[in-house]
Amino acid sequence: MSRKSRQQVVTISGDLGSGKSTVARMLARKLGWQYYSTGMAQRQIATELGLSTIELNQKALSDKSIDARIDAVFKNPPWGDEPCVVDSRLAFHFLPKSFKVCLTVNPTVAAQRILHDEVRTGERKYKTLKQAEAACKERRKLEIERFMKNYGINIEDPNNFDFIIDTSDLSPLKIRNLILKAIS
């Protein structure tokens, strides 16, 4: 393992629909490491509150208790000292010694993936590609604003990451293998 990955935490951040969760789960399984996703926590909170993820992001702009609930895991990580792959937009910030990966994707490709994702919970189902694209754009805008306002972090700054991959034309297996190569 390289110097960068000795801490045995890989954080995967990135665009909506870039494959973060799929790739993070595959990577954790391949490495035999634990997996944690703040996206799952966010979708659970949205469901509990009867909100879509976009509505939750809007609410989180003025209600800091939402981010506090999501971020609490980083104060006392459930994985302890065990190796872990963390799927979270802000994990690079909360786990600065991790190997920080960012997945990017063409917005139309992202919307197509989200439109056809049958597993995604806590989000409204979209009937058209145009609806999915608009929702992705709105959610991304809200997250950029929220993370800058609440944390002073520009999640689009490439300097936050050790490794950036455009996933638009890559399979999850190829992405996982690129990350494995980068951390070895």
N, C-alpha and C. Protein backbone atom coordinates (compact mmCIF):
# COMPACT_ATOMS: atom_id res chain seq x y z
N MET A 1 0.83 -1.18 0.00
CA MET A 1 0.00 0.00 0.00
C MET A 1 0.87 1.24 0.00
N SER A 2 0.45 2.24 -0.74
CA SER A 2 1.23 3.47 -0.82
C SER A 2 1.16 4.25 0.49
N ARG A 3 2.04 5.22 0.61
CA ARG A 3 2.05 6.09 1.79
C ARG A 3 0.68 6.72 1.98
N LYS A 4 0.04 7.16 0.90
CA LYS A 4 -1.24 7.85 0.99
C LYS A 4 -2.33 6.98 1.58
N SER A 5 -2.29 5.67 1.35
CA SER A 5 -3.40 4.83 1.78
C SER A 5 -3.11 4.07 3.08
N ARG A 6 -1.97 4.30 3.71
CA ARG A 6 -1.64 3.59 4.95
C ARG A 6 -2.67 3.82 6.05
N GLN A 7 -3.30 4.97 6.07
CA GLN A 7 -4.30 5.25 7.08
C GLN A 7 -5.53 4.36 6.89
N GLN A 8 -5.62 3.68 5.79
CA GLN A 8 -6.66 2.72 5.49
C GLN A 8 -8.07 3.31 5.54
N VAL A 9 -8.19 4.51 5.07
CA VAL A 9 -9.49 5.12 4.84
C VAL A 9 -9.44 5.75 3.46
N VAL A 10 -10.39 5.36 2.63
CA VAL A 10 -10.54 5.96 1.31
C VAL A 10 -11.88 6.69 1.34
N THR A 11 -11.87 7.96 0.97
CA THR A 11 -13.11 8.73 0.89
C THR A 11 -13.45 8.95 -0.57
N ILE A 12 -14.71 8.76 -0.90
CA ILE A 12 -15.18 8.93 -2.27
C ILE A 12 -16.25 10.01 -2.28
N SER A 13 -15.94 11.09 -2.95
CA SER A 13 -16.83 12.23 -3.09
C SER A 13 -17.14 12.40 -4.57
N GLY A 14 -18.00 13.36 -4.88
CA GLY A 14 -18.22 13.65 -6.28
C GLY A 14 -19.63 14.02 -6.64
N ASP A 15 -19.85 14.06 -7.94
CA ASP A 15 -21.11 14.50 -8.52
C ASP A 15 -22.23 13.50 -8.27
N LEU A 16 -23.45 14.02 -8.27
CA LEU A 16 -24.64 13.17 -8.25
C LEU A 16 -24.60 12.28 -9.48
N GLY A 17 -24.90 11.01 -9.31
CA GLY A 17 -24.94 10.10 -10.45
C GLY A 17 -23.59 9.69 -11.00
N SER A 18 -22.52 9.99 -10.26
CA SER A 18 -21.18 9.64 -10.74
C SER A 18 -20.80 8.20 -10.42
N GLY A 19 -21.58 7.54 -9.59
CA GLY A 19 -21.29 6.16 -9.22
C GLY A 19 -20.62 6.01 -7.87
N LYS A 20 -20.66 7.07 -7.06
CA LYS A 20 -19.97 7.05 -5.75
C LYS A 20 -20.34 5.83 -4.92
N SER A 21 -21.62 5.64 -4.70
CA SER A 21 -22.06 4.55 -3.81
C SER A 21 -21.73 3.19 -4.38
N THR A 22 -22.01 3.00 -5.65
CA THR A 22 -21.73 1.70 -6.29
C THR A 22 -20.25 1.38 -6.21
N VAL A 23 -19.42 2.34 -6.60
CA VAL A 23 -17.97 2.11 -6.61
C VAL A 23 -17.43 1.95 -5.19
N ALA A 24 -17.92 2.76 -4.26
CA ALA A 24 -17.45 2.66 -2.87
C ALA A 24 -17.77 1.28 -2.29
N ARG A 25 -18.97 0.78 -2.54
CA ARG A 25 -19.32 -0.56 -2.05
C ARG A 25 -18.45 -1.62 -2.69
N MET A 26 -18.23 -1.51 -4.00
CA MET A 26 -17.38 -2.48 -4.71
C MET A 26 -15.95 -2.44 -4.17
N LEU A 27 -15.43 -1.24 -3.94
CA LEU A 27 -14.06 -1.09 -3.44
C LEU A 27 -13.94 -1.68 -2.03
N ALA A 28 -14.89 -1.36 -1.18
CA ALA A 28 -14.87 -1.90 0.20
C ALA A 28 -14.92 -3.42 0.17
N ARG A 29 -15.78 -3.98 -0.67
CA ARG A 29 -15.89 -5.44 -0.77
C ARG A 29 -14.57 -6.05 -1.24
N LYS A 30 -13.97 -5.47 -2.27
CA LYS A 30 -12.71 -5.99 -2.82
C LYS A 30 -11.58 -5.93 -1.79
N LEU A 31 -11.52 -4.83 -1.03
CA LEU A 31 -10.46 -4.66 -0.02
C LEU A 31 -10.77 -5.40 1.28
N GLY A 32 -12.03 -5.82 1.46
CA GLY A 32 -12.44 -6.45 2.73
C GLY A 32 -12.57 -5.42 3.84
N TRP A 33 -12.86 -4.17 3.47
CA TRP A 33 -12.98 -3.08 4.41
C TRP A 33 -14.45 -2.78 4.68
N GLN A 34 -14.71 -2.04 5.73
CA GLN A 34 -16.07 -1.59 6.02
C GLN A 34 -16.48 -0.51 5.02
N TYR A 35 -17.79 -0.28 4.93
CA TYR A 35 -18.35 0.72 4.03
C TYR A 35 -19.30 1.61 4.82
N TYR A 36 -19.21 2.92 4.59
CA TYR A 36 -20.15 3.85 5.22
C TYR A 36 -20.56 4.90 4.19
N SER A 37 -21.84 5.27 4.21
CA SER A 37 -22.36 6.27 3.28
C SER A 37 -23.19 7.32 4.00
N THR A 38 -22.79 8.59 3.88
CA THR A 38 -23.63 9.65 4.43
C THR A 38 -24.84 9.89 3.54
N GLY A 39 -24.75 9.50 2.28
CA GLY A 39 -25.90 9.62 1.38
C GLY A 39 -27.07 8.79 1.88
N MET A 40 -26.77 7.60 2.40
CA MET A 40 -27.83 6.76 2.97
C MET A 40 -28.45 7.46 4.17
N ALA A 41 -27.60 8.06 5.00
CA ALA A 41 -28.10 8.78 6.18
C ALA A 41 -28.96 9.96 5.75
N GLN A 42 -28.51 10.69 4.73
CA GLN A 42 -29.26 11.85 4.24
C GLN A 42 -30.62 11.42 3.69
N ARG A 43 -30.64 10.35 2.90
CA ARG A 43 -31.91 9.89 2.34
C ARG A 43 -32.85 9.39 3.44
N GLN A 44 -32.28 8.77 4.49
CA GLN A 44 -33.10 8.32 5.61
C GLN A 44 -33.73 9.52 6.34
N ILE A 45 -32.95 10.56 6.56
CA ILE A 45 -33.47 11.77 7.22
C ILE A 45 -34.57 12.39 6.35
N ALA A 46 -34.33 12.47 5.05
CA ALA A 46 -35.33 13.04 4.13
C ALA A 46 -36.64 12.24 4.23
N THR A 47 -36.52 10.92 4.24
CA THR A 47 -37.71 10.07 4.33
C THR A 47 -38.42 10.29 5.66
N GLU A 48 -37.66 10.34 6.75
CA GLU A 48 -38.25 10.58 8.08
C GLU A 48 -39.03 11.89 8.13
N LEU A 49 -38.50 12.91 7.44
CA LEU A 49 -39.14 14.23 7.45
C LEU A 49 -40.19 14.39 6.34
N GLY A 50 -40.36 13.34 5.53
CA GLY A 50 -41.32 13.41 4.44
C GLY A 50 -40.90 14.37 3.34
N LEU A 51 -39.58 14.48 3.11
CA LEU A 51 -39.04 15.41 2.13
C LEU A 51 -38.28 14.66 1.04
N SER A 52 -38.14 15.28 -0.11
CA SER A 52 -37.23 14.77 -1.13
C SER A 52 -35.82 15.22 -0.72
N THR A 53 -34.80 14.68 -1.38
CA THR A 53 -33.44 15.11 -1.05
C THR A 53 -33.22 16.57 -1.41
N ILE A 54 -33.87 17.04 -2.46
CA ILE A 54 -33.76 18.47 -2.82
C ILE A 54 -34.38 19.32 -1.72
N GLU A 55 -35.56 18.92 -1.25
CA GLU A 55 -36.22 19.67 -0.18
C GLU A 55 -35.39 19.64 1.11
N LEU A 56 -34.75 18.50 1.39
CA LEU A 56 -33.89 18.41 2.57
C LEU A 56 -32.70 19.36 2.44
N ASN A 57 -32.10 19.43 1.25
CA ASN A 57 -30.99 20.35 1.01
C ASN A 57 -31.43 21.80 1.20
N GLN A 58 -32.63 22.13 0.73
CA GLN A 58 -33.15 23.49 0.92
C GLN A 58 -33.33 23.79 2.40
N LYS A 59 -33.89 22.82 3.13
CA LYS A 59 -34.12 22.99 4.57
C LYS A 59 -32.79 23.11 5.32
N ALA A 60 -31.79 22.36 4.88
CA ALA A 60 -30.48 22.36 5.55
C ALA A 60 -29.75 23.69 5.42
N LEU A 61 -30.13 24.51 4.44
CA LEU A 61 -29.52 25.83 4.31
C LEU A 61 -29.79 26.68 5.54
N SER A 62 -30.95 26.50 6.16
CA SER A 62 -31.30 27.31 7.33
C SER A 62 -31.38 26.50 8.62
N ASP A 63 -31.41 25.18 8.52
CA ASP A 63 -31.52 24.32 9.69
C ASP A 63 -30.24 23.49 9.84
N LYS A 64 -29.32 23.99 10.63
CA LYS A 64 -28.01 23.33 10.77
C LYS A 64 -28.09 21.98 11.49
N SER A 65 -29.22 21.69 12.12
CA SER A 65 -29.35 20.41 12.82
C SER A 65 -29.31 19.24 11.83
N ILE A 66 -29.70 19.49 10.59
CA ILE A 66 -29.68 18.42 9.58
C ILE A 66 -28.24 18.01 9.30
N ASP A 67 -27.38 18.98 9.01
CA ASP A 67 -25.97 18.65 8.77
C ASP A 67 -25.33 18.09 10.03
N ALA A 68 -25.72 18.58 11.18
CA ALA A 68 -25.17 18.07 12.44
C ALA A 68 -25.47 16.57 12.58
N ARG A 69 -26.67 16.16 12.21
CA ARG A 69 -27.04 14.74 12.27
C ARG A 69 -26.19 13.92 11.31
N ILE A 70 -26.03 14.43 10.10
CA ILE A 70 -25.26 13.70 9.08
C ILE A 70 -23.78 13.65 9.46
N ASP A 71 -23.25 14.76 9.96
CA ASP A 71 -21.82 14.86 10.25
C ASP A 71 -21.40 14.20 11.56
N ALA A 72 -22.36 13.92 12.43
CA ALA A 72 -22.04 13.35 13.74
C ALA A 72 -21.22 12.08 13.64
N VAL A 73 -21.41 11.33 12.58
CA VAL A 73 -20.69 10.08 12.43
C VAL A 73 -19.18 10.29 12.40
N PHE A 74 -18.73 11.45 11.90
CA PHE A 74 -17.29 11.68 11.79
C PHE A 74 -16.64 12.00 13.13
N LYS A 75 -17.43 12.38 14.12
CA LYS A 75 -16.89 12.64 15.45
C LYS A 75 -16.56 11.34 16.18
N ASN A 76 -17.34 10.33 15.91
CA ASN A 76 -17.14 9.02 16.52
C ASN A 76 -17.48 7.97 15.47
N PRO A 77 -16.57 7.75 14.51
CA PRO A 77 -16.87 6.87 13.37
C PRO A 77 -17.26 5.46 13.80
N PRO A 78 -18.33 4.92 13.23
CA PRO A 78 -18.76 3.58 13.58
C PRO A 78 -17.75 2.51 13.19
N TRP A 79 -16.83 2.84 12.28
CA TRP A 79 -15.82 1.86 11.87
C TRP A 79 -14.59 1.89 12.77
N GLY A 80 -14.53 2.83 13.72
CA GLY A 80 -13.42 2.89 14.67
C GLY A 80 -12.09 3.02 13.96
N ASP A 81 -11.16 2.13 14.31
CA ASP A 81 -9.83 2.13 13.69
C ASP A 81 -9.73 1.15 12.53
N GLU A 82 -10.85 0.53 12.18
CA GLU A 82 -10.85 -0.45 11.09
C GLU A 82 -10.75 0.26 9.74
N PRO A 83 -10.16 -0.40 8.75
CA PRO A 83 -10.13 0.18 7.41
C PRO A 83 -11.55 0.39 6.88
N CYS A 84 -11.75 1.49 6.16
CA CYS A 84 -13.10 1.82 5.72
C CYS A 84 -13.07 2.61 4.41
N VAL A 85 -14.10 2.41 3.60
CA VAL A 85 -14.36 3.24 2.43
C VAL A 85 -15.58 4.08 2.78
N VAL A 86 -15.44 5.40 2.68
CA VAL A 86 -16.51 6.31 3.08
C VAL A 86 -17.01 7.06 1.84
N ASP A 87 -18.29 6.92 1.59
CA ASP A 87 -18.97 7.56 0.47
C ASP A 87 -19.69 8.78 1.03
N SER A 88 -19.12 9.97 0.77
CA SER A 88 -19.68 11.18 1.34
C SER A 88 -19.12 12.41 0.63
N ARG A 89 -19.96 13.38 0.35
CA ARG A 89 -19.49 14.58 -0.32
C ARG A 89 -18.43 15.33 0.49
N LEU A 90 -18.53 15.30 1.82
CA LEU A 90 -17.60 16.07 2.66
C LEU A 90 -16.59 15.21 3.41
N ALA A 91 -16.53 13.93 3.13
CA ALA A 91 -15.59 13.07 3.86
C ALA A 91 -14.15 13.55 3.70
N PHE A 92 -13.81 14.07 2.53
CA PHE A 92 -12.44 14.58 2.33
C PHE A 92 -12.10 15.65 3.36
N HIS A 93 -13.10 16.41 3.78
CA HIS A 93 -12.91 17.48 4.75
C HIS A 93 -12.80 16.93 6.17
N PHE A 94 -13.70 16.02 6.51
CA PHE A 94 -13.74 15.47 7.87
C PHE A 94 -12.66 14.42 8.12
N LEU A 95 -12.17 13.81 7.06
CA LEU A 95 -11.13 12.77 7.19
C LEU A 95 -9.93 13.17 6.32
N PRO A 96 -9.22 14.22 6.73
CA PRO A 96 -8.16 14.78 5.89
C PRO A 96 -6.98 13.85 5.64
N LYS A 97 -6.81 12.82 6.45
CA LYS A 97 -5.69 11.89 6.25
C LYS A 97 -6.08 10.72 5.35
N SER A 98 -7.30 10.72 4.87
CA SER A 98 -7.76 9.66 3.98
C SER A 98 -7.16 9.85 2.59
N PHE A 99 -7.28 8.80 1.77
CA PHE A 99 -6.98 8.93 0.35
C PHE A 99 -8.27 9.44 -0.28
N LYS A 100 -8.24 10.66 -0.81
CA LYS A 100 -9.45 11.38 -1.22
C LYS A 100 -9.68 11.26 -2.73
N VAL A 101 -10.80 10.59 -3.08
CA VAL A 101 -11.17 10.37 -4.47
C VAL A 101 -12.39 11.22 -4.80
N CYS A 102 -12.39 11.80 -5.99
CA CYS A 102 -13.54 12.55 -6.48
C CYS A 102 -13.97 11.96 -7.83
N LEU A 103 -15.25 11.62 -7.92
CA LEU A 103 -15.80 11.10 -9.17
C LEU A 103 -16.63 12.20 -9.83
N THR A 104 -16.34 12.47 -11.08
CA THR A 104 -17.09 13.46 -11.84
C THR A 104 -17.86 12.74 -12.94
N VAL A 105 -18.86 13.43 -13.49
CA VAL A 105 -19.65 12.81 -14.56
C VAL A 105 -20.33 13.91 -15.37
N ASN A 106 -20.52 13.66 -16.64
CA ASN A 106 -21.28 14.55 -17.50
C ASN A 106 -22.70 14.65 -16.95
N PRO A 107 -23.27 15.86 -16.83
CA PRO A 107 -24.60 16.02 -16.22
C PRO A 107 -25.71 15.21 -16.90
N THR A 108 -25.66 15.04 -18.22
CA THR A 108 -26.68 14.25 -18.91
C THR A 108 -26.53 12.77 -18.57
N VAL A 109 -25.30 12.29 -18.52
CA VAL A 109 -25.06 10.89 -18.13
C VAL A 109 -25.54 10.67 -16.70
N ALA A 110 -25.25 11.62 -15.81
CA ALA A 110 -25.70 11.51 -14.41
C ALA A 110 -27.21 11.42 -14.35
N ALA A 111 -27.90 12.27 -15.08
CA ALA A 111 -29.37 12.26 -15.06
C ALA A 111 -29.92 10.94 -15.61
N GLN A 112 -29.28 10.40 -16.65
CA GLN A 112 -29.72 9.11 -17.19
C GLN A 112 -29.56 8.01 -16.15
N ARG A 113 -28.44 8.01 -15.44
CA ARG A 113 -28.21 7.01 -14.40
C ARG A 113 -29.25 7.12 -13.29
N ILE A 114 -29.52 8.33 -12.85
CA ILE A 114 -30.47 8.55 -11.76
C ILE A 114 -31.89 8.20 -12.22
N LEU A 115 -32.23 8.55 -13.44
CA LEU A 115 -33.55 8.26 -13.99
C LEU A 115 -33.84 6.77 -13.98
N HIS A 116 -32.81 5.96 -14.25
CA HIS A 116 -32.99 4.51 -14.36
C HIS A 116 -32.57 3.74 -13.11
N ASP A 117 -32.24 4.44 -12.04
CA ASP A 117 -31.81 3.80 -10.79
C ASP A 117 -33.04 3.38 -9.98
N GLU A 118 -33.27 2.10 -9.91
CA GLU A 118 -34.44 1.57 -9.20
C GLU A 118 -34.20 1.44 -7.70
N VAL A 119 -32.95 1.53 -7.27
CA VAL A 119 -32.59 1.29 -5.88
C VAL A 119 -32.61 2.58 -5.05
N ARG A 120 -32.42 3.70 -5.69
CA ARG A 120 -32.31 4.99 -5.03
C ARG A 120 -33.58 5.29 -4.23
N THR A 121 -33.41 5.60 -2.94
CA THR A 121 -34.55 5.92 -2.08
C THR A 121 -34.45 7.36 -1.59
N GLY A 122 -35.55 7.91 -1.14
CA GLY A 122 -35.55 9.26 -0.59
C GLY A 122 -35.52 10.34 -1.65
N GLU A 123 -35.62 9.95 -2.90
CA GLU A 123 -35.66 10.91 -3.99
C GLU A 123 -36.91 10.65 -4.81
N ARG A 124 -37.43 11.69 -5.35
CA ARG A 124 -38.60 11.53 -6.22
C ARG A 124 -38.19 10.76 -7.47
N LYS A 125 -39.10 10.00 -8.00
CA LYS A 125 -38.87 9.31 -9.27
C LYS A 125 -39.19 10.29 -10.39
N TYR A 126 -38.32 10.34 -11.37
CA TYR A 126 -38.49 11.27 -12.47
C TYR A 126 -39.07 10.53 -13.66
N LYS A 127 -39.92 11.21 -14.40
CA LYS A 127 -40.56 10.60 -15.56
C LYS A 127 -39.75 10.83 -16.83
N THR A 128 -38.99 11.92 -16.86
CA THR A 128 -38.24 12.26 -18.07
C THR A 128 -36.79 12.60 -17.73
N LEU A 129 -35.97 12.52 -18.74
CA LEU A 129 -34.56 12.89 -18.59
C LEU A 129 -34.44 14.37 -18.23
N LYS A 130 -35.28 15.18 -18.82
CA LYS A 130 -35.26 16.62 -18.54
C LYS A 130 -35.54 16.89 -17.05
N GLN A 131 -36.51 16.18 -16.47
CA GLN A 131 -36.82 16.34 -15.04
C GLN A 131 -35.62 15.92 -14.18
N ALA A 132 -35.01 14.80 -14.53
CA ALA A 132 -33.86 14.30 -13.77
C ALA A 132 -32.69 15.28 -13.86
N GLU A 133 -32.44 15.81 -15.06
CA GLU A 133 -31.36 16.78 -15.24
C GLU A 133 -31.60 18.04 -14.41
N ALA A 134 -32.83 18.52 -14.44
CA ALA A 134 -33.16 19.74 -13.68
C ALA A 134 -33.00 19.49 -12.18
N ALA A 135 -33.44 18.33 -11.71
CA ALA A 135 -33.32 18.00 -10.28
C ALA A 135 -31.85 17.88 -9.87
N CYS A 136 -31.04 17.24 -10.70
CA CYS A 136 -29.60 17.11 -10.40
C CYS A 136 -28.94 18.48 -10.33
N LYS A 137 -29.28 19.33 -11.29
CA LYS A 137 -28.69 20.67 -11.33
C LYS A 137 -29.09 21.47 -10.09
N GLU A 138 -30.36 21.39 -9.71
CA GLU A 138 -30.84 22.11 -8.53
C GLU A 138 -30.19 21.59 -7.26
N ARG A 139 -30.12 20.26 -7.13
CA ARG A 139 -29.53 19.68 -5.92
C ARG A 139 -28.05 20.05 -5.82
N ARG A 140 -27.33 19.99 -6.92
CA ARG A 140 -25.91 20.34 -6.92
C ARG A 140 -25.72 21.80 -6.52
N LYS A 141 -26.55 22.68 -7.08
CA LYS A 141 -26.49 24.11 -6.75
C LYS A 141 -26.72 24.32 -5.26
N LEU A 142 -27.71 23.65 -4.72
CA LEU A 142 -28.02 23.78 -3.29
C LEU A 142 -26.88 23.25 -2.42
N GLU A 143 -26.29 22.12 -2.83
CA GLU A 143 -25.18 21.56 -2.05
C GLU A 143 -23.96 22.47 -2.09
N ILE A 144 -23.65 23.01 -3.24
CA ILE A 144 -22.50 23.93 -3.35
C ILE A 144 -22.73 25.12 -2.42
N GLU A 145 -23.92 25.69 -2.47
CA GLU A 145 -24.26 26.84 -1.62
C GLU A 145 -24.22 26.47 -0.15
N ARG A 146 -24.84 25.35 0.19
CA ARG A 146 -24.92 24.90 1.59
C ARG A 146 -23.54 24.62 2.16
N PHE A 147 -22.70 23.91 1.44
CA PHE A 147 -21.39 23.54 1.96
C PHE A 147 -20.47 24.76 2.07
N MET A 148 -20.64 25.72 1.18
CA MET A 148 -19.86 26.95 1.29
C MET A 148 -20.35 27.75 2.50
N LYS A 149 -21.66 27.86 2.64
CA LYS A 149 -22.24 28.65 3.74
C LYS A 149 -21.96 28.00 5.10
N ASN A 150 -22.18 26.71 5.22
CA ASN A 150 -22.08 26.04 6.52
C ASN A 150 -20.67 25.60 6.90
N TYR A 151 -19.80 25.39 5.90
CA TYR A 151 -18.45 24.87 6.19
C TYR A 151 -17.33 25.71 5.59
N GLY A 152 -17.66 26.62 4.69
CA GLY A 152 -16.62 27.38 4.01
C GLY A 152 -15.83 26.52 3.04
N ILE A 153 -16.48 25.50 2.48
CA ILE A 153 -15.80 24.53 1.60
C ILE A 153 -16.35 24.62 0.19
N ASN A 154 -15.45 24.70 -0.78
CA ASN A 154 -15.82 24.62 -2.18
C ASN A 154 -15.65 23.17 -2.60
N ILE A 155 -16.76 22.45 -2.72
CA ILE A 155 -16.67 21.03 -3.04
C ILE A 155 -16.24 20.78 -4.48
N GLU A 156 -16.15 21.82 -5.28
CA GLU A 156 -15.71 21.67 -6.66
C GLU A 156 -14.23 21.98 -6.85
N ASP A 157 -13.51 22.29 -5.78
CA ASP A 157 -12.08 22.59 -5.86
C ASP A 157 -11.29 21.29 -6.02
N PRO A 158 -10.63 21.08 -7.15
CA PRO A 158 -9.89 19.84 -7.36
C PRO A 158 -8.73 19.64 -6.39
N ASN A 159 -8.27 20.72 -5.76
CA ASN A 159 -7.18 20.60 -4.80
C ASN A 159 -7.58 19.87 -3.52
N ASN A 160 -8.87 19.62 -3.34
CA ASN A 160 -9.35 18.87 -2.18
C ASN A 160 -9.06 17.37 -2.29
N PHE A 161 -8.66 16.91 -3.48
CA PHE A 161 -8.62 15.48 -3.75
C PHE A 161 -7.25 15.00 -4.19
N ASP A 162 -6.99 13.70 -3.91
CA ASP A 162 -5.76 13.05 -4.35
C ASP A 162 -5.90 12.46 -5.74
N PHE A 163 -7.14 12.11 -6.11
CA PHE A 163 -7.38 11.37 -7.36
C PHE A 163 -8.77 11.73 -7.87
N ILE A 164 -8.85 12.16 -9.13
CA ILE A 164 -10.13 12.55 -9.74
C ILE A 164 -10.34 11.70 -10.99
N ILE A 165 -11.56 11.16 -11.12
CA ILE A 165 -11.89 10.32 -12.26
C ILE A 165 -13.20 10.80 -12.89
N ASP A 166 -13.21 11.00 -14.21
CA ASP A 166 -14.45 11.26 -14.93
C ASP A 166 -15.06 9.89 -15.24
N THR A 167 -16.21 9.62 -14.67
CA THR A 167 -16.84 8.30 -14.78
C THR A 167 -17.82 8.19 -15.94
N SER A 168 -17.96 9.23 -16.74
CA SER A 168 -18.99 9.29 -17.78
C SER A 168 -18.99 8.07 -18.71
N ASP A 169 -17.81 7.61 -19.08
CA ASP A 169 -17.72 6.52 -20.05
C ASP A 169 -17.07 5.26 -19.45
N LEU A 170 -17.07 5.16 -18.11
CA LEU A 170 -16.39 4.03 -17.47
C LEU A 170 -17.39 3.17 -16.69
N SER A 171 -17.12 1.88 -16.66
CA SER A 171 -17.94 0.98 -15.86
C SER A 171 -17.52 1.09 -14.40
N PRO A 172 -18.41 0.73 -13.48
CA PRO A 172 -18.02 0.74 -12.06
C PRO A 172 -16.79 -0.13 -11.79
N LEU A 173 -16.67 -1.27 -12.47
CA LEU A 173 -15.51 -2.14 -12.27
C LEU A 173 -14.22 -1.44 -12.70
N LYS A 174 -14.25 -0.76 -13.82
CA LYS A 174 -13.07 -0.02 -14.30
C LYS A 174 -12.69 1.09 -13.31
N ILE A 175 -13.70 1.80 -12.80
CA ILE A 175 -13.45 2.88 -11.83
C ILE A 175 -12.83 2.30 -10.57
N ARG A 176 -13.42 1.20 -10.08
CA ARG A 176 -12.87 0.55 -8.88
C ARG A 176 -11.42 0.16 -9.10
N ASN A 177 -11.12 -0.41 -10.26
CA ASN A 177 -9.75 -0.85 -10.54
C ASN A 177 -8.78 0.33 -10.65
N LEU A 178 -9.23 1.45 -11.18
CA LEU A 178 -8.39 2.65 -11.24
C LEU A 178 -8.07 3.14 -9.82
N ILE A 179 -9.05 3.10 -8.95
CA ILE A 179 -8.81 3.52 -7.56
C ILE A 179 -7.85 2.55 -6.87
N LEU A 180 -8.06 1.24 -7.07
CA LEU A 180 -7.15 0.25 -6.48
C LEU A 180 -5.71 0.50 -6.92
N LYS A 181 -5.53 0.78 -8.20
CA LYS A 181 -4.19 1.06 -8.72
C LYS A 181 -3.62 2.33 -8.09
N ALA A 182 -4.46 3.33 -7.90
CA ALA A 182 -3.99 4.60 -7.32
C ALA A 182 -3.57 4.46 -5.86
N ILE A 183 -4.20 3.56 -5.11
CA ILE A 183 -3.86 3.43 -3.69
C ILE A 183 -2.79 2.37 -3.45
N SER A 184 -2.40 1.65 -4.49
CA SER A 184 -1.39 0.59 -4.29
C SER A 184 0.03 1.11 -4.46
